[in-house]
């Protein structure tokens, strides 16, 4: 599952960067608030959930060895 996790995370990251370059915020800078693009919000939410899933998959297979402090 780790290669799939890395491929999907990389592909979605590239799409996110392309979307950020293509989208412009509305507003002329005259005190108007910038609007959040709903597509960017969904992609960021997906990336957050994907990061948590990937962390669970990896740490189930490779538990870190913590030396005892006592």
PDB file of N, CA and C in Angstrom:
ATOM      1  N   UNK A   1       0.812  -1.206   0.000  1.00  0.00           N
ATOM      2  CA  UNK A   1       0.000   0.000   0.000  1.00  0.00           C
ATOM      3  C   UNK A   1       0.853   1.267   0.000  1.00  0.00           C
ATOM      4  N   UNK A   2       2.100   1.169   0.440  1.00  0.00           N
ATOM      5  CA  UNK A   2       2.937   2.369   0.526  1.00  0.00           C
ATOM      6  C   UNK A   2       3.190   2.988  -0.843  1.00  0.00           C
ATOM      7  N   UNK A   3       3.522   2.198  -1.896  1.00  0.00           N
ATOM      8  CA  UNK A   3       3.706   2.832  -3.211  1.00  0.00           C
ATOM      9  C   UNK A   3       2.444   3.515  -3.732  1.00  0.00           C
ATOM     10  N   UNK A   4       1.284   2.907  -3.497  1.00  0.00           N
ATOM     11  CA  UNK A   4       0.022   3.524  -3.927  1.00  0.00           C
ATOM     12  C   UNK A   4      -0.197   4.832  -3.182  1.00  0.00           C
ATOM     13  N   UNK A   5       0.083   4.813  -1.884  1.00  0.00           N
ATOM     14  CA  UNK A   5      -0.053   6.023  -1.068  1.00  0.00           C
ATOM     15  C   UNK A   5       0.822   7.148  -1.619  1.00  0.00           C
ATOM     16  N   UNK A   6       2.063   6.820  -1.929  1.00  0.00           N
ATOM     17  CA  UNK A   6       2.983   7.849  -2.422  1.00  0.00           C
ATOM     18  C   UNK A   6       2.588   8.360  -3.805  1.00  0.00           C
ATOM     19  N   UNK A   7       2.128   7.472  -4.669  1.00  0.00           N
ATOM     20  CA  UNK A   7       1.720   7.890  -6.019  1.00  0.00           C
ATOM     21  C   UNK A   7       0.513   8.813  -5.953  1.00  0.00           C
ATOM     22  N   UNK A   8      -0.499   8.432  -5.190  1.00  0.00           N
ATOM     23  CA  UNK A   8      -1.710   9.256  -5.087  1.00  0.00           C
ATOM     24  C   UNK A   8      -1.391  10.593  -4.431  1.00  0.00           C
ATOM     25  N   UNK A   9      -0.602  10.579  -3.359  1.00  0.00           N
ATOM     26  CA  UNK A   9      -0.261  11.839  -2.684  1.00  0.00           C
ATOM     27  C   UNK A   9       0.520  12.763  -3.618  1.00  0.00           C
ATOM     28  N   UNK A  10       1.440  12.215  -4.376  1.00  0.00           N
ATOM     29  CA  UNK A  10       2.205  13.035  -5.317  1.00  0.00           C
ATOM     30  C   UNK A  10       1.348  13.585  -6.443  1.00  0.00           C
ATOM     31  N   UNK A  11       0.473  12.745  -6.994  1.00  0.00           N
ATOM     32  CA  UNK A  11      -0.384  13.189  -8.095  1.00  0.00           C
ATOM     33  C   UNK A  11      -1.353  14.275  -7.641  1.00  0.00           C
ATOM     34  N   UNK A  12      -1.957  14.091  -6.480  1.00  0.00           N
ATOM     35  CA  UNK A  12      -2.886  15.100  -5.973  1.00  0.00           C
ATOM     36  C   UNK A  12      -2.139  16.377  -5.610  1.00  0.00           C
ATOM     37  N   UNK A  13      -0.926  16.247  -5.106  1.00  0.00           N
ATOM     38  CA  UNK A  13      -0.115  17.430  -4.815  1.00  0.00           C
ATOM     39  C   UNK A  13       0.201  18.227  -6.066  1.00  0.00           C
ATOM     40  N   UNK A  14       0.513  17.535  -7.149  1.00  0.00           N
ATOM     41  CA  UNK A  14       0.788  18.217  -8.421  1.00  0.00           C
ATOM     42  C   UNK A  14      -0.466  18.916  -8.931  1.00  0.00           C
ATOM     43  N   UNK A  15      -1.612  18.237  -8.864  1.00  0.00           N
ATOM     44  CA  UNK A  15      -2.873  18.848  -9.300  1.00  0.00           C
ATOM     45  C   UNK A  15      -3.191  20.081  -8.459  1.00  0.00           C
ATOM     46  N   UNK A  16      -2.952  19.986  -7.158  1.00  0.00           N
ATOM     47  CA  UNK A  16      -3.204  21.125  -6.274  1.00  0.00           C
ATOM     48  C   UNK A  16      -2.340  22.317  -6.651  1.00  0.00           C
ATOM     49  N   UNK A  17      -1.067  22.064  -6.914  1.00  0.00           N
ATOM     50  CA  UNK A  17      -0.183  23.156  -7.301  1.00  0.00           C
ATOM     51  C   UNK A  17      -0.597  23.780  -8.628  1.00  0.00           C
ATOM     52  N   UNK A  18      -1.024  22.964  -9.566  1.00  0.00           N
ATOM     53  CA  UNK A  18      -1.489  23.502 -10.852  1.00  0.00           C
ATOM     54  C   UNK A  18      -2.761  24.328 -10.665  1.00  0.00           C
ATOM     55  N   UNK A  19      -3.650  23.858  -9.818  1.00  0.00           N
ATOM     56  CA  UNK A  19      -4.889  24.609  -9.556  1.00  0.00           C
ATOM     57  C   UNK A  19      -4.578  25.936  -8.874  1.00  0.00           C
ATOM     58  N   UNK A  20      -3.636  25.925  -7.939  1.00  0.00           N
ATOM     59  CA  UNK A  20      -3.282  27.162  -7.253  1.00  0.00           C
ATOM     60  C   UNK A  20      -2.687  28.178  -8.210  1.00  0.00           C
ATOM     61  N   UNK A  21      -1.954  27.709  -9.205  1.00  0.00           N
ATOM     62  CA  UNK A  21      -1.372  28.630 -10.186  1.00  0.00           C
ATOM     63  C   UNK A  21      -2.438  29.175 -11.129  1.00  0.00           C
ATOM     64  N   UNK A  22      -3.478  28.376 -11.402  1.00  0.00           N
ATOM     65  CA  UNK A  22      -4.490  28.774 -12.368  1.00  0.00           C
ATOM     66  C   UNK A  22      -5.612  29.617 -11.796  1.00  0.00           C
ATOM     67  N   UNK A  23      -5.943  29.403 -10.547  1.00  0.00           N
ATOM     68  CA  UNK A  23      -7.061  30.129  -9.950  1.00  0.00           C
ATOM     69  C   UNK A  23      -6.604  31.477  -9.416  1.00  0.00           C
ATOM     70  N   UNK A  24      -7.457  32.442  -9.557  1.00  0.00           N
ATOM     71  CA  UNK A  24      -7.193  33.770  -9.000  1.00  0.00           C
ATOM     72  C   UNK A  24      -8.304  34.090  -8.022  1.00  0.00           C
ATOM     73  N   UNK A  25      -7.943  34.798  -6.972  1.00  0.00           N
ATOM     74  CA  UNK A  25      -8.941  35.206  -6.001  1.00  0.00           C
ATOM     75  C   UNK A  25      -9.737  36.373  -6.560  1.00  0.00           C
ATOM     76  N   UNK A  26     -11.004  36.383  -6.240  1.00  0.00           N
ATOM     77  CA  UNK A  26     -11.826  37.502  -6.669  1.00  0.00           C
ATOM     78  C   UNK A  26     -11.630  38.654  -5.701  1.00  0.00           C
ATOM     79  N   UNK A  27     -11.824  39.804  -6.173  1.00  0.00           N
ATOM     80  CA  UNK A  27     -11.646  40.996  -5.338  1.00  0.00           C
ATOM     81  C   UNK A  27     -10.545  41.869  -5.929  1.00  0.00           C
ATOM     82  N   UNK A  28     -10.750  43.151  -5.838  1.00  0.00           N
ATOM     83  CA  UNK A  28      -9.800  44.086  -6.437  1.00  0.00           C
ATOM     84  C   UNK A  28      -8.814  44.634  -5.425  1.00  0.00           C
ATOM     85  N   UNK A  29      -8.897  44.201  -4.191  1.00  0.00           N
ATOM     86  CA  UNK A  29      -7.980  44.709  -3.181  1.00  0.00           C
ATOM     87  C   UNK A  29      -8.483  45.971  -2.508  1.00  0.00           C
ATOM     88  N   UNK A  30      -9.728  46.347  -2.766  1.00  0.00           N
ATOM     89  CA  UNK A  30     -10.305  47.545  -2.164  1.00  0.00           C
ATOM     90  C   UNK A  30     -11.041  47.204  -0.873  1.00  0.00           C
ATOM     91  N   UNK A  31     -10.418  46.391  -0.040  1.00  0.00           N
ATOM     92  CA  UNK A  31     -11.033  46.009   1.217  1.00  0.00           C
ATOM     93  C   UNK A  31     -11.973  44.825   1.094  1.00  0.00           C
ATOM     94  N   UNK A  32     -12.080  44.248  -0.101  1.00  0.00           N
ATOM     95  CA  UNK A  32     -12.943  43.088  -0.284  1.00  0.00           C
ATOM     96  C   UNK A  32     -12.235  41.847   0.249  1.00  0.00           C
ATOM     97  N   UNK A  33     -13.009  40.954   0.833  1.00  0.00           N
ATOM     98  CA  UNK A  33     -12.429  39.717   1.332  1.00  0.00           C
ATOM     99  C   UNK A  33     -12.177  38.750   0.180  1.00  0.00           C
ATOM    100  N   UNK A  34     -11.110  37.981   0.310  1.00  0.00           N
ATOM    101  CA  UNK A  34     -10.816  36.970  -0.693  1.00  0.00           C
ATOM    102  C   UNK A  34     -11.716  35.766  -0.457  1.00  0.00           C
ATOM    103  N   UNK A  35     -12.197  35.188  -1.539  1.00  0.00           N
ATOM    104  CA  UNK A  35     -13.079  34.034  -1.431  1.00  0.00           C
ATOM    105  C   UNK A  35     -12.258  32.763  -1.592  1.00  0.00           C
ATOM    106  N   UNK A  36     -12.646  31.743  -0.844  1.00  0.00           N
ATOM    107  CA  UNK A  36     -11.970  30.457  -0.934  1.00  0.00           C
ATOM    108  C   UNK A  36     -12.620  29.650  -2.048  1.00  0.00           C
ATOM    109  N   UNK A  37     -11.807  29.071  -2.880  1.00  0.00           N
ATOM    110  CA  UNK A  37     -12.311  28.238  -3.962  1.00  0.00           C
ATOM    111  C   UNK A  37     -12.762  26.898  -3.373  1.00  0.00           C
ATOM    112  N   UNK A  38     -13.995  26.467  -3.626  1.00  0.00           N
ATOM    113  CA  UNK A  38     -14.486  25.202  -3.061  1.00  0.00           C
ATOM    114  C   UNK A  38     -13.675  23.994  -3.523  1.00  0.00           C
ATOM    115  N   UNK A  39     -13.182  24.006  -4.754  1.00  0.00           N
ATOM    116  CA  UNK A  39     -12.377  22.885  -5.245  1.00  0.00           C
ATOM    117  C   UNK A  39     -11.089  22.758  -4.445  1.00  0.00           C
ATOM    118  N   UNK A  40     -10.455  23.871  -4.149  1.00  0.00           N
ATOM    119  CA  UNK A  40      -9.230  23.838  -3.356  1.00  0.00           C
ATOM    120  C   UNK A  40      -9.508  23.331  -1.942  1.00  0.00           C
ATOM    121  N   UNK A  41     -10.633  23.691  -1.373  1.00  0.00           N
ATOM    122  CA  UNK A  41     -10.985  23.231  -0.030  1.00  0.00           C
ATOM    123  C   UNK A  41     -11.197  21.719  -0.014  1.00  0.00           C
ATOM    124  N   UNK A  42     -11.853  21.188  -1.043  1.00  0.00           N
ATOM    125  CA  UNK A  42     -12.080  19.747  -1.122  1.00  0.00           C
ATOM    126  C   UNK A  42     -10.763  18.998  -1.297  1.00  0.00           C
ATOM    127  N   UNK A  43      -9.891  19.521  -2.154  1.00  0.00           N
ATOM    128  CA  UNK A  43      -8.596  18.867  -2.380  1.00  0.00           C
ATOM    129  C   UNK A  43      -7.759  18.889  -1.108  1.00  0.00           C
ATOM    130  N   UNK A  44      -7.755  19.995  -0.387  1.00  0.00           N
ATOM    131  CA  UNK A  44      -6.994  20.068   0.858  1.00  0.00           C
ATOM    132  C   UNK A  44      -7.551  19.118   1.906  1.00  0.00           C
ATOM    133  N   UNK A  45      -8.870  18.986   1.968  1.00  0.00           N
ATOM    134  CA  UNK A  45      -9.486  18.038   2.894  1.00  0.00           C
ATOM    135  C   UNK A  45      -9.108  16.604   2.532  1.00  0.00           C
ATOM    136  N   UNK A  46      -9.119  16.300   1.239  1.00  0.00           N
ATOM    137  CA  UNK A  46      -8.712  14.964   0.788  1.00  0.00           C
ATOM    138  C   UNK A  46      -7.258  14.688   1.154  1.00  0.00           C
ATOM    139  N   UNK A  47      -6.377  15.656   0.927  1.00  0.00           N
ATOM    140  CA  UNK A  47      -4.963  15.455   1.252  1.00  0.00           C
ATOM    141  C   UNK A  47      -4.751  15.236   2.747  1.00  0.00           C
ATOM    142  N   UNK A  48      -5.497  15.920   3.569  1.00  0.00           N
ATOM    143  CA  UNK A  48      -5.386  15.721   5.018  1.00  0.00           C
ATOM    144  C   UNK A  48      -5.826  14.313   5.408  1.00  0.00           C
ATOM    145  N   UNK A  49      -6.957  13.862   4.870  1.00  0.00           N
ATOM    146  CA  UNK A  49      -7.439  12.513   5.166  1.00  0.00           C
ATOM    147  C   UNK A  49      -6.485  11.455   4.608  1.00  0.00           C
ATOM    148  N   UNK A  50      -5.943  11.708   3.425  1.00  0.00           N
ATOM    149  CA  UNK A  50      -5.007  10.768   2.801  1.00  0.00           C
ATOM    150  C   UNK A  50      -3.721  10.653   3.619  1.00  0.00           C
ATOM    151  N   UNK A  51      -3.260  11.755   4.174  1.00  0.00           N
ATOM    152  CA  UNK A  51      -2.068  11.738   5.025  1.00  0.00           C
ATOM    153  C   UNK A  51      -2.307  10.887   6.275  1.00  0.00           C
ATOM    154  N   UNK A  52      -3.476  11.021   6.877  1.00  0.00           N
ATOM    155  CA  UNK A  52      -3.791  10.225   8.068  1.00  0.00           C
ATOM    156  C   UNK A  52      -3.874   8.746   7.706  1.00  0.00           C
ATOM    157  N   UNK A  53      -4.533   8.418   6.598  1.00  0.00           N
ATOM    158  CA  UNK A  53      -4.621   7.018   6.170  1.00  0.00           C
ATOM    159  C   UNK A  53      -3.241   6.433   5.898  1.00  0.00           C
ATOM    160  N   UNK A  54      -2.412   7.177   5.208  1.00  0.00           N
ATOM    161  CA  UNK A  54      -1.060   6.702   4.907  1.00  0.00           C
ATOM    162  C   UNK A  54      -0.234   6.499   6.157  1.00  0.00           C
ATOM    163  N   UNK A  55      -0.380   7.372   7.121  1.00  0.00           N
ATOM    164  CA  UNK A  55       0.355   7.228   8.377  1.00  0.00           C
ATOM    165  C   UNK A  55      -0.080   5.960   9.108  1.00  0.00           C
ATOM    166  N   UNK A  56      -1.367   5.677   9.107  1.00  0.00           N
ATOM    167  CA  UNK A  56      -1.864   4.466   9.752  1.00  0.00           C
ATOM    168  C   UNK A  56      -1.318   3.232   9.042  1.00  0.00           C
ATOM    169  N   UNK A  57      -1.345   3.227   7.704  1.00  0.00           N
ATOM    170  CA  UNK A  57      -0.847   2.075   6.958  1.00  0.00           C
ATOM    171  C   UNK A  57       0.632   1.829   7.235  1.00  0.00           C
ATOM    172  N   UNK A  58       1.414   2.888   7.232  1.00  0.00           N
ATOM    173  CA  UNK A  58       2.858   2.741   7.413  1.00  0.00           C
ATOM    174  C   UNK A  58       3.188   2.319   8.835  1.00  0.00           C
ATOM    175  N   UNK A  59       2.590   2.950   9.830  1.00  0.00           N
ATOM    176  CA  UNK A  59       2.938   2.633  11.214  1.00  0.00           C
ATOM    177  C   UNK A  59       2.368   1.300  11.673  1.00  0.00           C
ATOM    178  N   UNK A  60       1.372   0.754  10.976  1.00  0.00           N
ATOM    179  CA  UNK A  60       0.939  -0.602  11.295  1.00  0.00           C
ATOM    180  C   UNK A  60       2.000  -1.615  10.876  1.00  0.00           C
ATOM    181  N   UNK A  61       2.688  -1.346   9.779  1.00  0.00           N
ATOM    182  CA  UNK A  61       3.716  -2.261   9.283  1.00  0.00           C
ATOM    183  C   UNK A  61       5.068  -2.043   9.952  1.00  0.00           C
ATOM    184  N   UNK A  62       5.425  -0.817  10.178  1.00  0.00           N
ATOM    185  CA  UNK A  62       6.747  -0.460  10.700  1.00  0.00           C
ATOM    186  C   UNK A  62       6.584   0.347  11.979  1.00  0.00           C
ATOM    187  N   UNK A  63       6.349  -0.336  13.062  1.00  0.00           N
ATOM    188  CA  UNK A  63       6.209   0.359  14.342  1.00  0.00           C
ATOM    189  C   UNK A  63       7.570   0.866  14.781  1.00  0.00           C
ATOM    190  N   UNK A  64       7.647   2.126  15.198  1.00  0.00           N
ATOM    191  CA  UNK A  64       8.948   2.646  15.645  1.00  0.00           C
ATOM    192  C   UNK A  64       9.376   1.985  16.961  1.00  0.00           C
ATOM    193  N   UNK A  65      10.661   1.737  17.066  1.00  0.00           N
ATOM    194  CA  UNK A  65      11.197   1.147  18.281  1.00  0.00           C
ATOM    195  C   UNK A  65      11.654   2.282  19.189  1.00  0.00           C
ATOM    196  N   UNK A  66      10.966   2.445  20.294  1.00  0.00           N
ATOM    197  CA  UNK A  66      11.306   3.491  21.243  1.00  0.00           C
ATOM    198  C   UNK A  66      12.055   2.865  22.410  1.00  0.00           C
ATOM    199  N   UNK A  67      13.277   3.267  22.618  1.00  0.00           N
ATOM    200  CA  UNK A  67      14.018   2.708  23.756  1.00  0.00           C
ATOM    201  C   UNK A  67      13.400   3.157  25.068  1.00  0.00           C
ATOM    202  N   UNK A  68      13.455   2.293  26.052  1.00  0.00           N
ATOM    203  CA  UNK A  68      12.883   2.663  27.346  1.00  0.00           C
ATOM    204  C   UNK A  68      13.734   3.726  28.002  1.00  0.00           C
ATOM    205  N   UNK A  69      13.097   4.630  28.646  1.00  0.00           N
ATOM    206  CA  UNK A  69      13.796   5.747  29.284  1.00  0.00           C
ATOM    207  C   UNK A  69      14.207   5.415  30.708  1.00  0.00           C
ATOM    208  N   UNK A  70      13.773   4.294  31.222  1.00  0.00           N
ATOM    209  CA  UNK A  70      14.122   3.923  32.598  1.00  0.00           C
ATOM    210  C   UNK A  70      15.337   3.056  32.645  1.00  0.00           C
TER     211      UNK A  70
END
